[in-house]
């Protein structure tokens, strides 16, 4: 074979070996010769067609298997009933043998393995939520919950939690709302959260399989809470809150379970005063402050640890919405910790500013406002007022969010401070030729311009809608109002409140500077008061007494 033949040589990989053993000499010569020839396009096309058809058949077969059980039967109502009845029989047999031979595992090991097999087969039920009602009607839910206290945690309890996690998967629950409601009702009736907490108590997280069991259990709670948020209070009362606080403060290396605990805790505390009160009664404020104190001088080492830190901060902010917890926060020296975090310039500074804001809101924040001045907090907050730190921008917080929190803190202090502390706050505005007043006016015109620009766009849209004959209903007005808030309306109202307070504080220097700058820009204190009270002509058609404001009612906080 010369060089040209070697370069053009292509073996026919599509040719099949003859089944006959006694192939004639002539056919062997033909086969050998044909193997040296380049394959014909027609032959290649046929081979590719065969491969394609074969792949399609295999794919169809696999898709068909998704709808059958391990024994090859279609998974329908009858199949599920048989599966549940088999599970009940094996569960009863295993329980009976364990009672009869408690000290002889060999007697019940085979029954235990059989039970393990049927539990694995029952995972297929999680793919058909419309048949969940069978689990309830045939009492399988009660039996499943009973196995959570089974002595053999390795074989049964962990598998049990896998099954429950799949059954309560949030995507699966939304596939059949009716079936999901029936299942969740049955689980709650069986005190599922209390049983899950008891089960987690006896799991050893140093063992990987049992640590995975804890993670799966938390996933079950999260799935149910997302599907039915109202169960958070009940779950917290059934021991979940206590277990979460215990797990979070445990002296263990940071892991995925600690992160998950912080997420579940933040979910429980969201928009729920009863869980906030329960956490406060369990000294949970101190637990959160102790865990957050680690980040006073050190940044989180990983993205996951940073996420946990943010979850704990969010939980703390939620708790501070309850007035009783603000006193616990004060007594737990939470203000001192937040002040140190603001000075340390670590990643925790952004969230510490948000916590301070929540701790001072409304009349209930009066004690925290006075204490903040006593611990020299004014030296910390005013540099943040004068300029948004670049490091805060790197953490993802916007200038608007930063300025909103700082202005809200200053407005709260002007609202709540009395006597000497109030005088110390006002004197800060007179320092360095009233530079802080100049900064305040700079922010005022910045946000006023943004709101006016948004109003102009909204007016144009309204004009177009009227021209098309469309009706402006309340939902549209609310949408326009939210757009004004995004443009900075609330921050503008906070700034206007601060301007009115300092210009009417009886300090001529401050009053003159405010009026001087307003006159230069064609404004007036009267206009500022209208903005502060939400009485601009372009605000939604609500009376000022019922006008909605973010972060509770602005009028109650600052008027």
Protein backbone atom coordinates (compact mmCIF):
# COMPACT_ATOMS: atom_id res chain seq x y z
CA UNK A 1 0.00 0.00 0.00
CA UNK A 2 1.56 3.27 -1.12
CA UNK A 3 1.40 6.61 0.71
CA UNK A 4 -1.66 7.79 -1.22
CA UNK A 5 -3.64 4.67 -0.26
CA UNK A 6 -2.65 5.06 3.40
CA UNK A 7 -3.91 8.66 3.46
CA UNK A 8 -7.23 7.73 1.86
CA UNK A 9 -7.74 4.56 3.89
CA UNK A 10 -10.96 4.66 5.98
CA UNK A 11 -12.26 1.50 7.67
CA UNK A 12 -15.97 0.82 7.42
CA UNK A 13 -16.98 1.00 11.10
CA UNK A 14 -20.62 0.68 10.15
CA UNK A 15 -20.23 -2.80 8.61
CA UNK A 16 -21.56 -5.68 10.72
CA UNK A 17 -19.69 -8.91 11.28
CA UNK A 18 -21.33 -11.92 9.44
CA UNK A 19 -23.03 -14.37 11.77
CA UNK A 20 -22.05 -17.41 9.61
CA UNK A 21 -18.77 -18.97 10.66
CA UNK A 22 -17.98 -20.64 7.33
CA UNK A 23 -17.61 -17.59 5.17
CA UNK A 24 -16.33 -18.38 1.68
CA UNK A 25 -12.94 -17.25 0.49
CA UNK A 26 -14.55 -15.06 -2.13
CA UNK A 27 -16.73 -13.20 0.35
CA UNK A 28 -13.74 -12.63 2.65
CA UNK A 29 -11.78 -11.13 -0.24
CA UNK A 30 -14.71 -8.87 -1.11
CA UNK A 31 -15.08 -7.79 2.50
CA UNK A 32 -11.36 -7.05 2.79
CA UNK A 33 -11.41 -5.08 -0.47
CA UNK A 34 -14.49 -3.08 0.50
CA UNK A 35 -12.95 -2.20 3.86
CA UNK A 36 -10.14 -0.38 2.06
CA UNK A 37 -12.52 1.68 -0.03
CA UNK A 38 -13.96 4.94 1.27
CA UNK A 39 -17.49 4.34 2.58
CA UNK A 40 -20.25 5.39 0.25
CA UNK A 41 -22.42 8.33 1.35
CA UNK A 42 -25.53 6.20 1.00
CA UNK A 43 -24.16 3.62 3.44
CA UNK A 44 -23.18 6.33 5.93
CA UNK A 45 -26.63 7.88 5.69
CA UNK A 46 -28.25 4.55 6.40
CA UNK A 47 -25.99 3.97 9.43
CA UNK A 48 -26.69 7.42 10.80
CA UNK A 49 -30.40 6.87 10.26
CA UNK A 50 -30.21 3.57 12.15
CA UNK A 51 -28.32 5.19 15.05
CA UNK A 52 -30.80 8.05 15.19
CA UNK A 53 -33.77 5.70 15.22
CA UNK A 54 -32.09 3.60 17.90
CA UNK A 55 -31.47 6.66 20.10
CA UNK A 56 -35.04 7.82 19.70
CA UNK A 57 -36.35 4.40 20.69
CA UNK A 58 -34.11 4.34 23.79
CA UNK A 59 -35.26 7.86 24.74
CA UNK A 60 -38.91 6.90 24.30
CA UNK A 61 -38.34 3.83 26.43
CA UNK A 62 -36.75 5.90 29.21
CA UNK A 63 -39.58 8.41 29.10
CA UNK A 64 -42.11 5.60 29.32
CA UNK A 65 -40.29 4.24 32.36
CA UNK A 66 -40.89 7.52 34.19
CA UNK A 67 -44.54 6.59 34.42
CA UNK A 68 -44.05 3.07 35.69
CA UNK A 69 -43.03 1.70 39.04
CA UNK A 70 -39.94 -0.48 39.60
CA UNK A 71 -41.93 -3.61 38.73
CA UNK A 72 -42.97 -2.23 35.34
CA UNK A 73 -46.58 -1.34 36.14
CA UNK A 74 -48.19 1.98 35.37
CA UNK A 75 -48.35 4.20 38.46
CA UNK A 76 -52.04 4.87 38.88
CA UNK A 77 -54.40 5.07 41.84
CA UNK A 78 -54.56 1.28 42.15
CA UNK A 79 -50.77 0.97 42.15
CA UNK A 80 -50.38 3.64 44.80
CA UNK A 81 -52.99 1.95 47.00
CA UNK A 82 -51.15 -1.38 46.74
CA UNK A 83 -47.90 0.36 47.55
CA UNK A 84 -49.35 2.06 50.64
CA UNK A 85 -50.96 -1.16 51.89
CA UNK A 86 -47.64 -2.98 51.45
CA UNK A 87 -45.92 -0.22 53.39
CA UNK A 88 -48.47 -0.48 56.20
CA UNK A 89 -48.04 -4.27 56.43
CA UNK A 90 -44.26 -4.11 56.49
CA UNK A 91 -44.25 -1.25 58.97
CA UNK A 92 -46.56 -3.17 61.31
CA UNK A 93 -44.50 -6.36 60.93
CA UNK A 94 -41.27 -4.53 61.69
CA UNK A 95 -42.79 -2.91 64.76
CA UNK A 96 -44.18 -6.22 65.96
CA UNK A 97 -40.84 -8.04 65.60
CA UNK A 98 -38.95 -5.23 67.33
CA UNK A 99 -41.27 -5.47 70.30
CA UNK A 100 -41.09 -9.27 70.34
CA UNK A 101 -37.30 -9.52 69.94
CA UNK A 102 -35.88 -6.24 71.26
CA UNK A 103 -32.48 -7.77 72.04
CA UNK A 104 -32.12 -9.89 68.92
CA UNK A 105 -31.64 -7.69 65.82
CA UNK A 106 -31.28 -10.71 63.55
CA UNK A 107 -34.96 -11.51 64.06
CA UNK A 108 -36.20 -8.17 62.70
CA UNK A 109 -33.37 -7.18 60.33
CA UNK A 110 -34.97 -8.79 57.28
CA UNK A 111 -38.31 -7.07 58.00
CA UNK A 112 -36.43 -3.82 58.41
CA UNK A 113 -34.77 -4.20 55.02
CA UNK A 114 -38.15 -4.97 53.45
CA UNK A 115 -39.53 -1.80 55.00
CA UNK A 116 -36.57 0.12 53.67
CA UNK A 117 -37.29 -1.18 50.15
CA UNK A 118 -40.95 -0.15 50.16
CA UNK A 119 -40.06 3.34 51.45
CA UNK A 120 -37.71 3.74 48.50
CA UNK A 121 -40.44 2.59 46.12
CA UNK A 122 -42.85 5.15 47.60
CA UNK A 123 -40.68 7.98 46.28
CA UNK A 124 -42.57 7.63 43.03
CA UNK A 125 -45.68 9.03 44.76
CA UNK A 126 -43.90 12.41 44.95
CA UNK A 127 -44.24 12.65 41.14
CA UNK A 128 -48.06 12.47 41.26
CA UNK A 129 -49.28 15.01 43.86
CA UNK A 130 -52.87 14.62 42.66
CA UNK A 131 -52.85 11.24 44.48
CA UNK A 132 -51.59 12.65 47.79
CA UNK A 133 -55.09 12.26 49.20
CA UNK A 134 -54.53 8.48 49.21
CA UNK A 135 -51.70 8.90 51.72
CA UNK A 136 -54.16 10.62 54.04
CA UNK A 137 -57.18 8.39 53.41
CA UNK A 138 -55.18 5.18 53.97
CA UNK A 139 -53.52 6.60 57.12
CA UNK A 140 -50.05 6.43 55.57
CA UNK A 141 -49.13 9.94 56.78
CA UNK A 142 -49.63 8.87 60.40
CA UNK A 143 -47.44 5.82 59.84
CA UNK A 144 -44.75 7.85 58.11
CA UNK A 145 -44.62 10.32 60.98
CA UNK A 146 -44.46 7.44 63.44
CA UNK A 147 -41.30 6.16 61.80
CA UNK A 148 -39.51 9.44 62.55
CA UNK A 149 -39.00 8.10 66.06
CA UNK A 150 -37.74 4.71 64.84
CA UNK A 151 -34.71 3.36 66.69
CA UNK A 152 -32.75 2.66 63.52
CA UNK A 153 -31.82 6.16 62.36
CA UNK A 154 -29.41 4.93 59.70
CA UNK A 155 -31.85 2.78 57.76
CA UNK A 156 -35.23 4.41 58.30
CA UNK A 157 -35.32 7.91 59.73
CA UNK A 158 -32.97 9.44 57.22
CA UNK A 159 -34.73 7.73 54.32
CA UNK A 160 -37.99 8.87 55.85
CA UNK A 161 -36.87 12.46 55.78
CA UNK A 162 -35.78 12.06 52.14
CA UNK A 163 -39.27 10.86 51.29
CA UNK A 164 -40.97 13.68 53.17
CA UNK A 165 -38.70 16.21 51.50
CA UNK A 166 -39.68 14.95 48.06
CA UNK A 167 -43.37 14.87 48.96
CA UNK A 168 -43.24 18.48 50.19
CA UNK A 169 -41.04 19.84 47.38
CA UNK A 170 -42.45 23.28 46.66
CA UNK A 171 -42.61 22.77 42.89
CA UNK A 172 -44.45 19.49 43.37
CA UNK A 173 -46.90 21.06 45.82
CA UNK A 174 -47.83 23.75 43.32
CA UNK A 175 -48.57 21.13 40.66
CA UNK A 176 -51.68 20.09 42.57
CA UNK A 177 -52.89 22.65 45.10
CA UNK A 178 -55.74 20.42 46.24
CA UNK A 179 -53.53 17.41 46.90
CA UNK A 180 -50.93 19.60 48.59
CA UNK A 181 -53.47 21.17 50.95
CA UNK A 182 -54.68 17.73 52.04
CA UNK A 183 -51.13 16.53 52.70
CA UNK A 184 -50.03 19.66 54.60
CA UNK A 185 -53.20 19.55 56.74
CA UNK A 186 -52.51 15.92 57.67
CA UNK A 187 -48.85 16.64 58.48
CA UNK A 188 -49.73 19.58 60.72
CA UNK A 189 -52.46 17.57 62.43
CA UNK A 190 -49.82 14.94 63.20
CA UNK A 191 -47.55 17.55 64.83
CA UNK A 192 -44.96 17.06 62.10
CA UNK A 193 -42.70 19.94 63.20
CA UNK A 194 -42.50 18.71 66.78
CA UNK A 195 -41.61 15.21 65.56
CA UNK A 196 -38.98 16.56 63.18
CA UNK A 197 -37.41 18.63 65.96
CA UNK A 198 -37.32 15.60 68.26
CA UNK A 199 -35.67 13.62 65.51
CA UNK A 200 -33.01 16.32 64.91
CA UNK A 201 -32.24 16.38 68.62
CA UNK A 202 -30.98 12.79 68.50
CA UNK A 203 -29.00 13.09 65.27
CA UNK A 204 -25.21 13.38 65.47
CA UNK A 205 -24.07 15.93 62.91
CA UNK A 206 -20.48 14.72 63.07
CA UNK A 207 -21.75 11.76 61.03
CA UNK A 208 -22.25 12.87 57.43
CA UNK A 209 -25.42 10.85 56.86
CA UNK A 210 -27.06 12.28 59.96
CA UNK A 211 -25.92 15.82 59.12
CA UNK A 212 -27.61 15.34 55.75
CA UNK A 213 -30.70 14.24 57.66
CA UNK A 214 -30.76 17.54 59.55
CA UNK A 215 -30.41 19.44 56.27
CA UNK A 216 -33.30 17.49 54.72
CA UNK A 217 -35.46 18.13 57.77
CA UNK A 218 -34.89 21.88 57.48
CA UNK A 219 -35.80 21.62 53.80
CA UNK A 220 -39.15 20.05 54.77
CA UNK A 221 -39.87 22.96 57.11
CA UNK A 222 -38.88 25.51 54.46
CA UNK A 223 -41.09 23.85 51.84
CA UNK A 224 -44.14 23.86 54.11
CA UNK A 225 -43.51 27.44 55.28
CA UNK A 226 -43.22 28.66 51.69
CA UNK A 227 -46.42 26.89 50.68
CA UNK A 228 -48.30 27.99 53.80
CA UNK A 229 -46.63 30.98 55.53
CA UNK A 230 -49.21 30.93 58.32
CA UNK A 231 -47.69 27.82 59.88
CA UNK A 232 -44.52 29.68 60.95
CA UNK A 233 -45.96 30.65 64.32
CA UNK A 234 -47.14 27.10 64.99
CA UNK A 235 -43.79 25.66 63.92
CA UNK A 236 -41.90 28.03 66.22
CA UNK A 237 -44.12 27.05 69.16
CA UNK A 238 -43.49 23.33 68.53
CA UNK A 239 -39.83 23.63 69.48
CA UNK A 240 -38.33 24.75 66.18
CA UNK A 241 -37.38 28.23 67.40
CA UNK A 242 -35.59 26.85 70.46
CA UNK A 243 -33.73 24.26 68.39
CA UNK A 244 -32.64 26.84 65.79
CA UNK A 245 -31.23 29.18 68.45
CA UNK A 246 -29.45 26.28 70.13
CA UNK A 247 -27.95 25.12 66.83
CA UNK A 248 -26.87 28.61 65.76
CA UNK A 249 -24.99 29.29 69.00
CA UNK A 250 -23.46 25.79 69.17
CA UNK A 251 -19.66 25.85 69.17
CA UNK A 252 -19.26 24.01 65.91
CA UNK A 253 -17.38 24.91 62.70
CA UNK A 254 -19.41 26.82 60.16
CA UNK A 255 -21.21 24.47 57.79
CA UNK A 256 -24.18 24.29 55.43
CA UNK A 257 -26.54 23.39 58.27
CA UNK A 258 -25.70 26.53 60.24
CA UNK A 259 -26.36 28.59 57.12
CA UNK A 260 -29.67 26.80 56.60
CA UNK A 261 -30.65 27.42 60.24
CA UNK A 262 -30.09 31.15 59.77
CA UNK A 263 -32.32 31.09 56.66
CA UNK A 264 -35.14 29.26 58.45
CA UNK A 265 -34.89 31.64 61.41
CA UNK A 266 -35.19 34.68 59.11
CA UNK A 267 -38.25 33.08 57.47
CA UNK A 268 -39.94 32.45 60.83
CA UNK A 269 -39.40 36.06 61.94
CA UNK A 270 -40.61 37.67 58.74
CA UNK A 271 -43.92 39.56 59.21
CA UNK A 272 -44.82 37.60 62.34
CA UNK A 273 -45.04 39.36 65.71
CA UNK A 274 -45.73 36.15 67.63
CA UNK A 275 -42.44 34.54 66.54
CA UNK A 276 -40.59 37.81 67.21
CA UNK A 277 -41.99 37.86 70.73
CA UNK A 278 -41.12 34.19 71.24
CA UNK A 279 -37.52 34.79 70.17
CA UNK A 280 -37.25 37.72 72.56
CA UNK A 281 -38.58 35.63 75.45
CA UNK A 282 -35.98 32.94 74.68
CA UNK A 283 -33.13 35.49 74.91
CA UNK A 284 -32.78 35.20 71.15
CA UNK A 285 -31.69 38.84 70.81
CA UNK A 286 -28.57 38.04 72.85
CA UNK A 287 -27.91 34.94 70.73
CA UNK A 288 -28.07 36.97 67.52
CA UNK A 289 -25.82 39.71 68.94
CA UNK A 290 -23.27 37.15 70.14
CA UNK A 291 -23.13 35.47 66.75
CA UNK A 292 -22.84 38.80 64.92
CA UNK A 293 -20.09 40.09 67.23
CA UNK A 294 -17.65 37.79 65.40
CA UNK A 295 -17.92 40.07 62.36
CA UNK A 296 -17.03 43.19 64.33
CA UNK A 297 -13.35 42.89 63.41
CA UNK A 298 -13.37 40.11 60.82
CA UNK A 299 -15.04 39.79 57.44
CA UNK A 300 -16.83 36.54 56.55
CA UNK A 301 -14.32 34.09 55.09
CA UNK A 302 -16.66 32.68 52.44
CA UNK A 303 -19.71 33.72 50.43
CA UNK A 304 -21.81 31.25 52.42
CA UNK A 305 -20.67 32.73 55.73
CA UNK A 306 -21.51 36.21 54.45
CA UNK A 307 -24.98 34.97 53.54
CA UNK A 308 -25.41 33.63 57.07
CA UNK A 309 -24.33 36.98 58.51
CA UNK A 310 -26.92 38.79 56.37
CA UNK A 311 -29.62 36.31 57.46
CA UNK A 312 -28.84 37.00 61.13
CA UNK A 313 -28.93 40.77 60.53
CA UNK A 314 -32.28 40.43 58.73
CA UNK A 315 -33.64 38.39 61.63
CA UNK A 316 -32.46 41.05 64.08
CA UNK A 317 -34.14 43.82 62.06
CA UNK A 318 -37.39 41.83 62.03
CA UNK A 319 -37.23 41.38 65.79
CA UNK A 320 -36.73 45.11 66.35
CA UNK A 321 -40.07 45.81 64.70
CA UNK A 322 -41.55 44.61 68.01
CA UNK A 323 -41.21 47.38 70.66
CA UNK A 324 -40.49 44.92 73.50
CA UNK A 325 -37.41 43.65 71.68
CA UNK A 326 -35.91 47.13 71.43
CA UNK A 327 -35.50 47.21 75.18
CA UNK A 328 -33.82 43.77 75.05
CA UNK A 329 -31.58 45.07 72.27
CA UNK A 330 -30.65 48.09 74.42
CA UNK A 331 -29.93 45.98 77.51
CA UNK A 332 -27.90 43.53 75.43
CA UNK A 333 -25.60 46.41 74.36
CA UNK A 334 -26.69 46.06 70.76
CA UNK A 335 -26.16 49.78 70.13
CA UNK A 336 -22.54 49.55 71.24
CA UNK A 337 -21.95 46.59 68.92
CA UNK A 338 -23.53 48.33 65.93
CA UNK A 339 -21.51 51.49 66.66
CA UNK A 340 -18.27 49.49 66.73
CA UNK A 341 -19.19 47.79 63.46
CA UNK A 342 -19.78 51.17 61.81
CA UNK A 343 -16.35 52.30 62.94
CA UNK A 344 -14.55 49.08 62.02
CA UNK A 345 -15.27 49.54 58.29
CA UNK A 346 -15.85 45.82 57.71
CA UNK A 347 -18.55 44.20 55.58
CA UNK A 348 -20.90 44.18 58.57
CA UNK A 349 -21.07 47.99 58.53
CA UNK A 350 -23.83 48.12 55.90
CA UNK A 351 -26.17 45.85 57.85
CA UNK A 352 -25.28 47.49 61.17
CA UNK A 353 -26.56 50.80 59.77
CA UNK A 354 -29.85 49.14 58.86
CA UNK A 355 -30.19 47.66 62.37
CA UNK A 356 -29.60 51.07 63.94
CA UNK A 357 -32.35 52.52 61.76
CA UNK A 358 -34.83 49.87 62.91
CA UNK A 359 -33.88 50.29 66.58
CA UNK A 360 -34.67 54.03 66.60
CA UNK A 361 -37.91 54.16 64.59
CA UNK A 362 -40.94 55.73 66.24
CA UNK A 363 -41.55 56.76 69.86
CA UNK A 364 -40.50 53.26 71.02
CA UNK A 365 -36.97 54.05 69.83
CA UNK A 366 -36.54 56.99 72.20
CA UNK A 367 -34.33 55.15 74.72
CA UNK A 368 -32.10 53.83 71.95
CA UNK A 369 -31.74 57.35 70.49
CA UNK A 370 -30.62 58.79 73.83
CA UNK A 371 -28.22 55.91 74.44
CA UNK A 372 -26.71 56.28 70.99
CA UNK A 373 -25.78 59.90 71.74
CA UNK A 374 -24.38 58.87 75.14
CA UNK A 375 -22.01 56.32 73.55
CA UNK A 376 -20.70 59.04 71.17
CA UNK A 377 -22.61 57.66 68.21
CA UNK A 378 -22.86 61.12 66.63
CA UNK A 379 -19.16 60.90 65.82
CA UNK A 380 -19.93 57.75 63.87
CA UNK A 381 -23.13 58.65 62.04
CA UNK A 382 -22.24 62.13 60.73
CA UNK A 383 -19.19 61.07 58.67
CA UNK A 384 -21.52 58.55 56.99
CA UNK A 385 -23.99 61.39 56.40
CA UNK A 386 -21.39 63.62 54.81
CA UNK A 387 -20.23 61.01 52.30
CA UNK A 388 -21.24 57.51 51.23
CA UNK A 389 -18.16 55.28 51.77
CA UNK A 390 -16.84 53.58 48.63
CA UNK A 391 -16.58 50.25 50.46
CA UNK A 392 -20.33 50.29 51.03
CA UNK A 393 -20.89 50.57 47.30
CA UNK A 394 -18.70 47.51 46.80
CA UNK A 395 -20.93 45.47 49.09
CA UNK A 396 -23.89 46.08 46.78
CA UNK A 397 -25.69 48.83 48.71
CA UNK A 398 -26.75 51.82 46.61
CA UNK A 399 -26.17 55.46 47.52
CA UNK A 400 -29.92 55.89 47.85
CA UNK A 401 -30.26 53.02 50.33
CA UNK A 402 -27.32 54.27 52.39
CA UNK A 403 -28.61 57.84 52.45
CA UNK A 404 -32.11 56.67 53.35
CA UNK A 405 -30.88 54.79 56.44
CA UNK A 406 -28.64 57.66 57.59
CA UNK A 407 -31.37 60.29 57.11
CA UNK A 408 -33.90 58.06 58.84
CA UNK A 409 -31.57 57.73 61.86
CA UNK A 410 -31.10 61.51 62.05
CA UNK A 411 -34.85 62.10 61.69
CA UNK A 412 -35.57 59.58 64.45
CA UNK A 413 -33.12 61.30 66.79
CA UNK A 414 -34.62 64.73 66.06
CA UNK A 415 -38.04 63.22 66.78
CA UNK A 416 -37.07 61.48 70.04
CA UNK A 417 -34.17 63.33 71.65
CA UNK A 418 -34.81 65.73 74.52
CA UNK A 419 -32.72 68.08 76.60
CA UNK A 420 -28.94 67.88 76.44
CA UNK A 421 -28.80 65.07 73.88
CA UNK A 422 -30.94 67.09 71.47
CA UNK A 423 -28.70 70.13 71.93
CA UNK A 424 -25.63 68.01 71.16
CA UNK A 425 -27.28 66.78 67.94
CA UNK A 426 -28.25 70.29 66.78
CA UNK A 427 -24.80 71.69 67.56
CA UNK A 428 -23.33 69.17 65.12
CA UNK A 429 -25.11 71.00 62.29
CA UNK A 430 -23.37 74.27 63.22
CA UNK A 431 -19.84 72.89 63.06
CA UNK A 432 -17.41 73.95 60.31
CA UNK A 433 -19.57 76.79 59.03
CA UNK A 434 -22.71 74.64 58.83
CA UNK A 435 -21.18 72.17 56.38
CA UNK A 436 -23.73 69.54 57.40
CA UNK A 437 -26.57 71.91 56.49
CA UNK A 438 -24.95 72.39 53.09
CA UNK A 439 -24.79 68.60 52.66
CA UNK A 440 -28.44 68.33 53.72
CA UNK A 441 -29.50 70.91 51.14
CA UNK A 442 -27.41 69.16 48.50
CA UNK A 443 -29.32 65.94 49.17
CA UNK A 444 -32.62 67.85 49.18
CA UNK A 445 -32.17 69.21 45.67
CA UNK A 446 -30.75 65.89 44.43
CA UNK A 447 -33.85 63.95 45.44
CA UNK A 448 -36.26 66.76 44.60
CA UNK A 449 -34.93 66.73 41.04
CA UNK A 450 -35.31 62.95 40.86
CA UNK A 451 -38.92 63.04 42.09
CA UNK A 452 -39.83 65.90 39.75
CA UNK A 453 -38.38 63.98 36.80
CA UNK A 454 -40.44 60.92 37.77
CA UNK A 455 -43.55 63.11 38.12
CA UNK A 456 -42.98 64.51 34.65
CA UNK A 457 -42.83 61.03 33.14
CA UNK A 458 -45.89 59.91 35.07
CA UNK A 459 -47.86 62.99 33.93
CA UNK A 460 -46.95 62.15 30.34
CA UNK A 461 -48.17 58.58 30.76
CA UNK A 462 -51.40 59.76 32.37
CA UNK A 463 -51.98 62.16 29.50
CA UNK A 464 -51.49 59.35 26.98
CA UNK A 465 -53.87 57.08 28.90
CA UNK A 466 -56.58 59.74 29.01
CA UNK A 467 -56.14 60.39 25.30
CA UNK A 468 -56.64 56.66 24.63
CA UNK A 469 -59.76 56.65 26.80
CA UNK A 470 -58.28 54.44 29.51
CA UNK A 471 -59.46 54.74 33.11
CA UNK A 472 -56.99 55.57 35.89
CA UNK A 473 -57.95 53.21 38.70
CA UNK A 474 -56.47 52.88 42.20
CA UNK A 475 -54.05 50.14 41.15
CA UNK A 476 -52.48 52.47 38.59
CA UNK A 477 -52.23 55.26 41.14
CA UNK A 478 -50.50 52.86 43.55
CA UNK A 479 -48.07 51.85 40.82
CA UNK A 480 -47.27 55.49 40.10
CA UNK A 481 -46.76 56.09 43.81
CA UNK A 482 -44.31 53.19 44.04
CA UNK A 483 -42.38 54.66 41.14
CA UNK A 484 -42.13 57.97 43.00
CA UNK A 485 -40.78 56.09 46.00
CA UNK A 486 -38.17 54.42 43.77
CA UNK A 487 -37.22 57.89 42.54
CA UNK A 488 -36.49 58.92 46.15
CA UNK A 489 -39.75 60.38 47.49
CA UNK A 490 -39.38 58.86 50.94
CA UNK A 491 -35.77 60.02 51.32
CA UNK A 492 -36.89 63.48 50.20
CA UNK A 493 -39.57 63.52 52.91
CA UNK A 494 -37.00 62.51 55.53
CA UNK A 495 -34.66 65.29 54.41
CA UNK A 496 -37.49 67.84 54.49
CA UNK A 497 -38.38 66.79 58.02
CA UNK A 498 -34.76 67.30 59.13
CA UNK A 499 -34.69 70.73 57.42
CA UNK A 500 -37.87 71.84 59.20
CA UNK A 501 -36.63 70.59 62.58
CA UNK A 502 -33.23 72.29 62.48
CA UNK A 503 -34.56 75.56 61.01
CA UNK A 504 -37.20 75.81 63.74
CA UNK A 505 -34.91 74.78 66.61
CA UNK A 506 -34.27 78.37 67.70
CA UNK A 507 -30.71 78.51 66.36
CA UNK A 508 -30.50 81.58 64.05
CA UNK A 509 -27.39 80.30 62.33
CA UNK A 510 -29.14 77.16 61.11
CA UNK A 511 -32.34 78.91 60.14
CA UNK A 512 -30.52 81.54 58.11
CA UNK A 513 -28.43 78.97 56.23
CA UNK A 514 -31.48 76.86 55.30
CA UNK A 515 -33.49 79.91 54.13
CA UNK A 516 -30.51 81.33 52.26
CA UNK A 517 -29.95 78.18 50.19
CA UNK A 518 -33.67 77.71 49.54
CA UNK A 519 -34.03 81.29 48.30
CA UNK A 520 -31.08 80.86 45.96
CA UNK A 521 -32.81 77.88 44.35
CA UNK A 522 -36.30 79.38 44.30
CA UNK A 523 -37.69 77.27 47.15
CA UNK A 524 -39.32 78.04 50.48
CA UNK A 525 -39.81 76.46 53.89
CA UNK A 526 -43.55 76.29 53.16
CA UNK A 527 -42.89 74.09 50.11
CA UNK A 528 -40.60 71.93 52.22
CA UNK A 529 -43.36 71.43 54.79
CA UNK A 530 -45.76 70.39 52.03
CA UNK A 531 -43.28 67.81 50.74
CA UNK A 532 -42.68 66.52 54.26
CA UNK A 533 -46.41 66.06 54.88
CA UNK A 534 -47.05 64.46 51.49
CA UNK A 535 -49.19 67.36 50.31
CA UNK A 536 -47.63 67.88 46.88
CA UNK A 537 -50.15 68.33 44.08
CA UNK A 538 -48.74 65.36 42.20
CA UNK A 539 -49.02 62.89 45.07
CA UNK A 540 -51.79 60.25 44.77
CA UNK A 541 -55.33 61.37 45.53
CA UNK A 542 -55.31 60.29 49.20
CA UNK A 543 -55.98 62.46 52.20
CA UNK A 544 -52.76 63.21 54.12
CA UNK A 545 -54.08 61.27 57.10
CA UNK A 546 -54.29 58.03 55.12
CA UNK A 547 -51.35 58.51 52.74
CA UNK A 548 -49.21 55.35 52.80
CA UNK A 549 -45.51 55.58 53.60
CA UNK A 550 -42.78 52.96 53.64
CA UNK A 551 -41.19 51.72 56.87
CA UNK A 552 -44.37 52.30 58.90
CA UNK A 553 -46.29 55.59 58.76
CA UNK A 554 -44.11 58.64 58.16
CA UNK A 555 -46.63 60.99 59.74
CA UNK A 556 -46.76 58.97 62.96
CA UNK A 557 -42.98 58.85 63.13
CA UNK A 558 -42.04 62.41 62.32
CA UNK A 559 -45.06 64.73 62.55
